[in-house]
PDB file of all heavy atoms in Angstrom:
ATOM      1  N   ALA A   1       0.835  -1.205   0.000  1.00  0.00           N
ATOM      2  CA  ALA A   1       0.000   0.000   0.000  1.00  0.00           C
ATOM      3  C   ALA A   1       0.868   1.252   0.000  1.00  0.00           C
ATOM      4  O   ALA A   1       1.986   1.257   0.512  1.00  0.00           O
ATOM      5  CB  ALA A   1      -0.919   0.000   1.221  1.00  0.00           C
ATOM      6  N   ARG A   2       0.331   2.324  -0.573  1.00  0.00           N
ATOM      7  CA  ARG A   2       1.073   3.584  -0.620  1.00  0.00           C
ATOM      8  C   ARG A   2       0.491   4.633   0.318  1.00  0.00           C
ATOM      9  O   ARG A   2       1.163   5.605   0.645  1.00  0.00           O
ATOM     10  CB  ARG A   2       1.089   4.127  -2.044  1.00  0.00           C
ATOM     11  CG  ARG A   2       1.912   3.282  -3.023  1.00  0.00           C
ATOM     12  CD  ARG A   2       1.729   3.746  -4.448  1.00  0.00           C
ATOM     13  NE  ARG A   2       0.358   3.516  -4.903  1.00  0.00           N
ATOM     14  CZ  ARG A   2      -0.100   3.854  -6.107  1.00  0.00           C
ATOM     15  NH1 ARG A   2       0.711   4.460  -6.973  1.00  0.00           N
ATOM     16  NH2 ARG A   2      -1.344   3.591  -6.443  1.00  0.00           N
ATOM     17  N   THR A   3      -0.754   4.454   0.729  1.00  0.00           N
ATOM     18  CA  THR A   3      -1.403   5.422   1.610  1.00  0.00           C
ATOM     19  C   THR A   3      -2.097   4.703   2.754  1.00  0.00           C
ATOM     20  O   THR A   3      -2.321   3.482   2.707  1.00  0.00           O
ATOM     21  CB  THR A   3      -2.457   6.242   0.850  1.00  0.00           C
ATOM     22  OG1 THR A   3      -3.535   5.372   0.459  1.00  0.00           O
ATOM     23  CG2 THR A   3      -1.845   6.907  -0.379  1.00  0.00           C
ATOM     24  N   ARG A   4      -2.459   5.458   3.769  1.00  0.00           N
ATOM     25  CA  ARG A   4      -3.179   4.892   4.915  1.00  0.00           C
ATOM     26  C   ARG A   4      -4.512   4.297   4.478  1.00  0.00           C
ATOM     27  O   ARG A   4      -4.886   3.201   4.897  1.00  0.00           O
ATOM     28  CB  ARG A   4      -3.398   5.983   5.975  1.00  0.00           C
ATOM     29  CG  ARG A   4      -2.113   6.543   6.551  1.00  0.00           C
ATOM     30  CD  ARG A   4      -2.351   7.890   7.220  1.00  0.00           C
ATOM     31  NE  ARG A   4      -2.993   7.765   8.508  1.00  0.00           N
ATOM     32  CZ  ARG A   4      -2.347   7.739   9.668  1.00  0.00           C
ATOM     33  NH1 ARG A   4      -1.024   7.814   9.695  1.00  0.00           N
ATOM     34  NH2 ARG A   4      -3.004   7.660  10.805  1.00  0.00           N
ATOM     35  N   LEU A   5      -5.233   5.033   3.612  1.00  0.00           N
ATOM     36  CA  LEU A   5      -6.531   4.550   3.150  1.00  0.00           C
ATOM     37  C   LEU A   5      -6.402   3.257   2.368  1.00  0.00           C
ATOM     38  O   LEU A   5      -7.190   2.321   2.547  1.00  0.00           O
ATOM     39  CB  LEU A   5      -7.211   5.624   2.292  1.00  0.00           C
ATOM     40  CG  LEU A   5      -8.590   5.251   1.726  1.00  0.00           C
ATOM     41  CD1 LEU A   5      -9.560   4.929   2.857  1.00  0.00           C
ATOM     42  CD2 LEU A   5      -9.124   6.387   0.859  1.00  0.00           C
ATOM     43  N   GLU A   6      -5.385   3.189   1.514  1.00  0.00           N
ATOM     44  CA  GLU A   6      -5.178   1.976   0.724  1.00  0.00           C
ATOM     45  C   GLU A   6      -4.834   0.798   1.629  1.00  0.00           C
ATOM     46  O   GLU A   6      -5.312  -0.330   1.410  1.00  0.00           O
ATOM     47  CB  GLU A   6      -4.063   2.198  -0.300  1.00  0.00           C
ATOM     48  CG  GLU A   6      -3.894   1.021  -1.266  1.00  0.00           C
ATOM     49  CD  GLU A   6      -2.811   1.251  -2.297  1.00  0.00           C
ATOM     50  OE1 GLU A   6      -2.113   2.297  -2.215  1.00  0.00           O
ATOM     51  OE2 GLU A   6      -2.629   0.384  -3.177  1.00  0.00           O
ATOM     52  N   ALA A   7      -4.020   1.040   2.652  1.00  0.00           N
ATOM     53  CA  ALA A   7      -3.658  -0.033   3.584  1.00  0.00           C
ATOM     54  C   ALA A   7      -4.885  -0.543   4.316  1.00  0.00           C
ATOM     55  O   ALA A   7      -5.084  -1.759   4.464  1.00  0.00           O
ATOM     56  CB  ALA A   7      -2.617   0.478   4.573  1.00  0.00           C
ATOM     57  N   VAL A   8      -5.733   0.388   4.763  1.00  0.00           N
ATOM     58  CA  VAL A   8      -6.952  -0.007   5.483  1.00  0.00           C
ATOM     59  C   VAL A   8      -7.872  -0.794   4.571  1.00  0.00           C
ATOM     60  O   VAL A   8      -8.408  -1.846   4.953  1.00  0.00           O
ATOM     61  CB  VAL A   8      -7.672   1.238   6.040  1.00  0.00           C
ATOM     62  CG1 VAL A   8      -9.071   0.871   6.545  1.00  0.00           C
ATOM     63  CG2 VAL A   8      -6.861   1.859   7.167  1.00  0.00           C
ATOM     64  N   ASN A   9      -8.063  -0.307   3.350  1.00  0.00           N
ATOM     65  CA  ASN A   9      -8.964  -0.998   2.415  1.00  0.00           C
ATOM     66  C   ASN A   9      -8.468  -2.399   2.075  1.00  0.00           C
ATOM     67  O   ASN A   9      -9.254  -3.347   2.000  1.00  0.00           O
ATOM     68  CB  ASN A   9      -9.114  -0.170   1.137  1.00  0.00           C
ATOM     69  CG  ASN A   9      -9.977   1.059   1.340  1.00  0.00           C
ATOM     70  OD1 ASN A   9     -10.769   1.114   2.279  1.00  0.00           O
ATOM     71  ND2 ASN A   9      -9.828   2.052   0.477  1.00  0.00           N
ATOM     72  N   LYS A  10      -7.154  -2.539   1.867  1.00  0.00           N
ATOM     73  CA  LYS A  10      -6.602  -3.859   1.572  1.00  0.00           C
ATOM     74  C   LYS A  10      -6.745  -4.792   2.772  1.00  0.00           C
ATOM     75  O   LYS A  10      -7.034  -5.989   2.613  1.00  0.00           O
ATOM     76  CB  LYS A  10      -5.130  -3.739   1.173  1.00  0.00           C
ATOM     77  CG  LYS A  10      -4.915  -3.204  -0.231  1.00  0.00           C
ATOM     78  CD  LYS A  10      -3.470  -3.372  -0.675  1.00  0.00           C
ATOM     79  CE  LYS A  10      -3.304  -3.024  -2.145  1.00  0.00           C
ATOM     80  NZ  LYS A  10      -1.943  -3.313  -2.645  1.00  0.00           N
ATOM     81  N   ALA A  11      -6.538  -4.262   3.969  1.00  0.00           N
ATOM     82  CA  ALA A  11      -6.647  -5.088   5.173  1.00  0.00           C
ATOM     83  C   ALA A  11      -8.075  -5.544   5.400  1.00  0.00           C
ATOM     84  O   ALA A  11      -8.322  -6.688   5.794  1.00  0.00           O
ATOM     85  CB  ALA A  11      -6.146  -4.304   6.373  1.00  0.00           C
ATOM     86  N   ILE A  12      -9.039  -4.659   5.146  1.00  0.00           N
ATOM     87  CA  ILE A  12     -10.442  -5.028   5.301  1.00  0.00           C
ATOM     88  C   ILE A  12     -10.840  -6.067   4.252  1.00  0.00           C
ATOM     89  O   ILE A  12     -11.500  -7.068   4.562  1.00  0.00           O
ATOM     90  CB  ILE A  12     -11.346  -3.783   5.188  1.00  0.00           C
ATOM     91  CG1 ILE A  12     -11.142  -2.878   6.405  1.00  0.00           C
ATOM     92  CG2 ILE A  12     -12.816  -4.188   5.082  1.00  0.00           C
ATOM     93  CD1 ILE A  12     -11.861  -1.552   6.306  1.00  0.00           C
ATOM     94  N   ALA A  13     -10.419  -5.838   3.019  1.00  0.00           N
ATOM     95  CA  ALA A  13     -10.754  -6.778   1.942  1.00  0.00           C
ATOM     96  C   ALA A  13     -10.180  -8.163   2.204  1.00  0.00           C
ATOM     97  O   ALA A  13     -10.786  -9.181   1.854  1.00  0.00           O
ATOM     98  CB  ALA A  13     -10.238  -6.242   0.607  1.00  0.00           C
ATOM     99  N   GLY A  14      -9.011  -8.213   2.840  1.00  0.00           N
ATOM    100  CA  GLY A  14      -8.383  -9.501   3.117  1.00  0.00           C
ATOM    101  C   GLY A  14      -8.774 -10.103   4.438  1.00  0.00           C
ATOM    102  O   GLY A  14      -8.297 -11.176   4.808  1.00  0.00           O
ATOM    103  N   GLY A  15      -9.653  -9.414   5.194  1.00  0.00           N
ATOM    104  CA  GLY A  15     -10.088  -9.944   6.483  1.00  0.00           C
ATOM    105  C   GLY A  15      -9.071  -9.786   7.585  1.00  0.00           C
ATOM    106  O   GLY A  15      -9.162 -10.434   8.618  1.00  0.00           O
ATOM    107  N   ILE A  16      -8.072  -8.906   7.379  1.00  0.00           N
ATOM    108  CA  ILE A  16      -7.047  -8.716   8.409  1.00  0.00           C
ATOM    109  C   ILE A  16      -7.587  -7.900   9.567  1.00  0.00           C
ATOM    110  O   ILE A  16      -7.275  -8.142  10.726  1.00  0.00           O
ATOM    111  CB  ILE A  16      -5.797  -8.035   7.802  1.00  0.00           C
ATOM    112  CG1 ILE A  16      -5.197  -8.938   6.733  1.00  0.00           C
ATOM    113  CG2 ILE A  16      -4.768  -7.719   8.866  1.00  0.00           C
ATOM    114  CD1 ILE A  16      -4.027  -8.310   6.000  1.00  0.00           C
ATOM    115  N   ILE A  17      -8.431  -6.885   9.258  1.00  0.00           N
ATOM    116  CA  ILE A  17      -9.081  -6.109  10.302  1.00  0.00           C
ATOM    117  C   ILE A  17     -10.562  -6.006   9.989  1.00  0.00           C
ATOM    118  O   ILE A  17     -10.999  -6.267   8.863  1.00  0.00           O
ATOM    119  CB  ILE A  17      -8.479  -4.690  10.448  1.00  0.00           C
ATOM    120  CG1 ILE A  17      -8.679  -3.886   9.151  1.00  0.00           C
ATOM    121  CG2 ILE A  17      -7.012  -4.761  10.832  1.00  0.00           C
ATOM    122  CD1 ILE A  17      -8.274  -2.428   9.286  1.00  0.00           C
ATOM    123  N   THR A  18     -11.335  -5.617  10.995  1.00  0.00           N
ATOM    124  CA  THR A  18     -12.771  -5.446  10.845  1.00  0.00           C
ATOM    125  C   THR A  18     -13.073  -3.993  10.541  1.00  0.00           C
ATOM    126  O   THR A  18     -12.488  -3.105  11.159  1.00  0.00           O
ATOM    127  CB  THR A  18     -13.494  -5.863  12.146  1.00  0.00           C
ATOM    128  OG1 THR A  18     -13.186  -7.226  12.423  1.00  0.00           O
ATOM    129  CG2 THR A  18     -14.997  -5.713  12.015  1.00  0.00           C
ATOM    130  N   PRO A  19     -13.986  -3.696   9.624  1.00  0.00           N
ATOM    131  CA  PRO A  19     -14.329  -2.304   9.328  1.00  0.00           C
ATOM    132  C   PRO A  19     -14.782  -1.556  10.571  1.00  0.00           C
ATOM    133  O   PRO A  19     -15.535  -2.090  11.389  1.00  0.00           O
ATOM    134  CB  PRO A  19     -15.474  -2.423   8.315  1.00  0.00           C
ATOM    135  CG  PRO A  19     -15.297  -3.761   7.709  1.00  0.00           C
ATOM    136  CD  PRO A  19     -14.743  -4.636   8.795  1.00  0.00           C
ATOM    137  N   ALA A  20     -14.318  -0.302  10.728  1.00  0.00           N
ATOM    138  CA  ALA A  20     -14.710   0.510  11.878  1.00  0.00           C
ATOM    139  C   ALA A  20     -16.211   0.735  11.854  1.00  0.00           C
ATOM    140  O   ALA A  20     -16.811   0.996  10.814  1.00  0.00           O
ATOM    141  CB  ALA A  20     -13.977   1.849  11.841  1.00  0.00           C
ATOM    142  N   GLY A  21     -16.816   0.603  13.039  1.00  0.00           N
ATOM    143  CA  GLY A  21     -18.240   0.865  13.160  1.00  0.00           C
ATOM    144  C   GLY A  21     -19.117  -0.324  12.823  1.00  0.00           C
ATOM    145  O   GLY A  21     -20.327  -0.256  12.906  1.00  0.00           O
ATOM    146  N   GLN A  22     -18.515  -1.439  12.440  1.00  0.00           N
ATOM    147  CA  GLN A  22     -19.311  -2.619  12.077  1.00  0.00           C
ATOM    148  C   GLN A  22     -19.935  -3.251  13.318  1.00  0.00           C
ATOM    149  O   GLN A  22     -19.382  -3.239  14.400  1.00  0.00           O
ATOM    150  CB  GLN A  22     -18.413  -3.639  11.383  1.00  0.00           C
ATOM    151  CG  GLN A  22     -19.120  -4.933  11.019  1.00  0.00           C
ATOM    152  CD  GLN A  22     -18.154  -5.892  10.356  1.00  0.00           C
ATOM    153  OE1 GLN A  22     -17.489  -5.565   9.405  1.00  0.00           O
ATOM    154  NE2 GLN A  22     -18.086  -7.082  10.884  1.00  0.00           N
ATOM    155  N   ASP A  23     -21.098  -3.831  13.143  1.00  0.00           N
ATOM    156  CA  ASP A  23     -21.751  -4.572  14.209  1.00  0.00           C
ATOM    157  C   ASP A  23     -20.873  -5.729  14.635  1.00  0.00           C
ATOM    158  O   ASP A  23     -20.443  -6.535  13.836  1.00  0.00           O
ATOM    159  CB  ASP A  23     -23.108  -5.113  13.706  1.00  0.00           C
ATOM    160  CG  ASP A  23     -23.822  -5.924  14.761  1.00  0.00           C
ATOM    161  OD1 ASP A  23     -23.471  -5.821  15.938  1.00  0.00           O
ATOM    162  OD2 ASP A  23     -24.756  -6.630  14.383  1.00  0.00           O
ATOM    163  N   LEU A  24     -20.574  -5.797  15.945  1.00  0.00           N
ATOM    164  CA  LEU A  24     -19.649  -6.816  16.424  1.00  0.00           C
ATOM    165  C   LEU A  24     -20.338  -7.917  17.219  1.00  0.00           C
ATOM    166  O   LEU A  24     -19.690  -8.651  17.953  1.00  0.00           O
ATOM    167  CB  LEU A  24     -18.579  -6.153  17.313  1.00  0.00           C
ATOM    168  CG  LEU A  24     -17.632  -5.191  16.587  1.00  0.00           C
ATOM    169  CD1 LEU A  24     -16.679  -4.575  17.594  1.00  0.00           C
ATOM    170  CD2 LEU A  24     -16.860  -5.901  15.493  1.00  0.00           C
ATOM    171  N   TYR A  25     -21.637  -8.030  17.101  1.00  0.00           N
ATOM    172  CA  TYR A  25     -22.334  -9.036  17.893  1.00  0.00           C
ATOM    173  C   TYR A  25     -22.794 -10.189  17.009  1.00  0.00           C
ATOM    174  O   TYR A  25     -23.436  -9.987  15.991  1.00  0.00           O
ATOM    175  CB  TYR A  25     -23.565  -8.419  18.571  1.00  0.00           C
ATOM    176  CG  TYR A  25     -23.241  -7.225  19.406  1.00  0.00           C
ATOM    177  CD1 TYR A  25     -23.390  -5.942  18.894  1.00  0.00           C
ATOM    178  CD2 TYR A  25     -22.737  -7.376  20.689  1.00  0.00           C
ATOM    179  CE1 TYR A  25     -23.065  -4.840  19.660  1.00  0.00           C
ATOM    180  CE2 TYR A  25     -22.415  -6.271  21.463  1.00  0.00           C
ATOM    181  CZ  TYR A  25     -22.597  -5.005  20.935  1.00  0.00           C
ATOM    182  OH  TYR A  25     -22.288  -3.906  21.690  1.00  0.00           O
ATOM    183  N   TRP A  26     -22.409 -11.372  17.424  1.00  0.00           N
ATOM    184  CA  TRP A  26     -22.886 -12.563  16.715  1.00  0.00           C
ATOM    185  C   TRP A  26     -22.761 -13.740  17.652  1.00  0.00           C
ATOM    186  O   TRP A  26     -21.707 -14.001  18.217  1.00  0.00           O
ATOM    187  CB  TRP A  26     -22.082 -12.812  15.452  1.00  0.00           C
ATOM    188  CG  TRP A  26     -22.717 -13.864  14.585  1.00  0.00           C
ATOM    189  CD1 TRP A  26     -23.762 -13.730  13.730  1.00  0.00           C
ATOM    190  CD2 TRP A  26     -22.323 -15.244  14.510  1.00  0.00           C
ATOM    191  NE1 TRP A  26     -24.053 -14.920  13.125  1.00  0.00           N
ATOM    192  CE2 TRP A  26     -23.184 -15.866  13.585  1.00  0.00           C
ATOM    193  CE3 TRP A  26     -21.330 -16.013  15.127  1.00  0.00           C
ATOM    194  CZ2 TRP A  26     -23.075 -17.207  13.261  1.00  0.00           C
ATOM    195  CZ3 TRP A  26     -21.239 -17.346  14.798  1.00  0.00           C
ATOM    196  CH2 TRP A  26     -22.110 -17.940  13.883  1.00  0.00           C
ATOM    197  N   ASN A  27     -23.828 -14.441  17.831  1.00  0.00           N
ATOM    198  CA  ASN A  27     -23.842 -15.595  18.723  1.00  0.00           C
ATOM    199  C   ASN A  27     -23.950 -16.873  17.920  1.00  0.00           C
ATOM    200  O   ASN A  27     -25.001 -17.140  17.323  1.00  0.00           O
ATOM    201  CB  ASN A  27     -25.025 -15.526  19.700  1.00  0.00           C
ATOM    202  CG  ASN A  27     -24.901 -14.340  20.632  1.00  0.00           C
ATOM    203  OD1 ASN A  27     -23.817 -13.886  20.927  1.00  0.00           O
ATOM    204  ND2 ASN A  27     -26.041 -13.821  21.084  1.00  0.00           N
ATOM    205  N   PRO A  28     -22.881 -17.664  17.868  1.00  0.00           N
ATOM    206  CA  PRO A  28     -22.940 -18.904  17.080  1.00  0.00           C
ATOM    207  C   PRO A  28     -23.874 -19.918  17.735  1.00  0.00           C
ATOM    208  O   PRO A  28     -24.098 -19.864  18.922  1.00  0.00           O
ATOM    209  CB  PRO A  28     -21.492 -19.388  17.102  1.00  0.00           C
ATOM    210  CG  PRO A  28     -20.911 -18.808  18.347  1.00  0.00           C
ATOM    211  CD  PRO A  28     -21.611 -17.494  18.545  1.00  0.00           C
TER     212      PRO A  28
END
């Protein structure tokens, strides 16, 4: 990545981090 935004987008697309503000509740 060349920018902060690009790094974040690549990390989210690859499942490395969770998108900010996403619902974090799930009960298996």
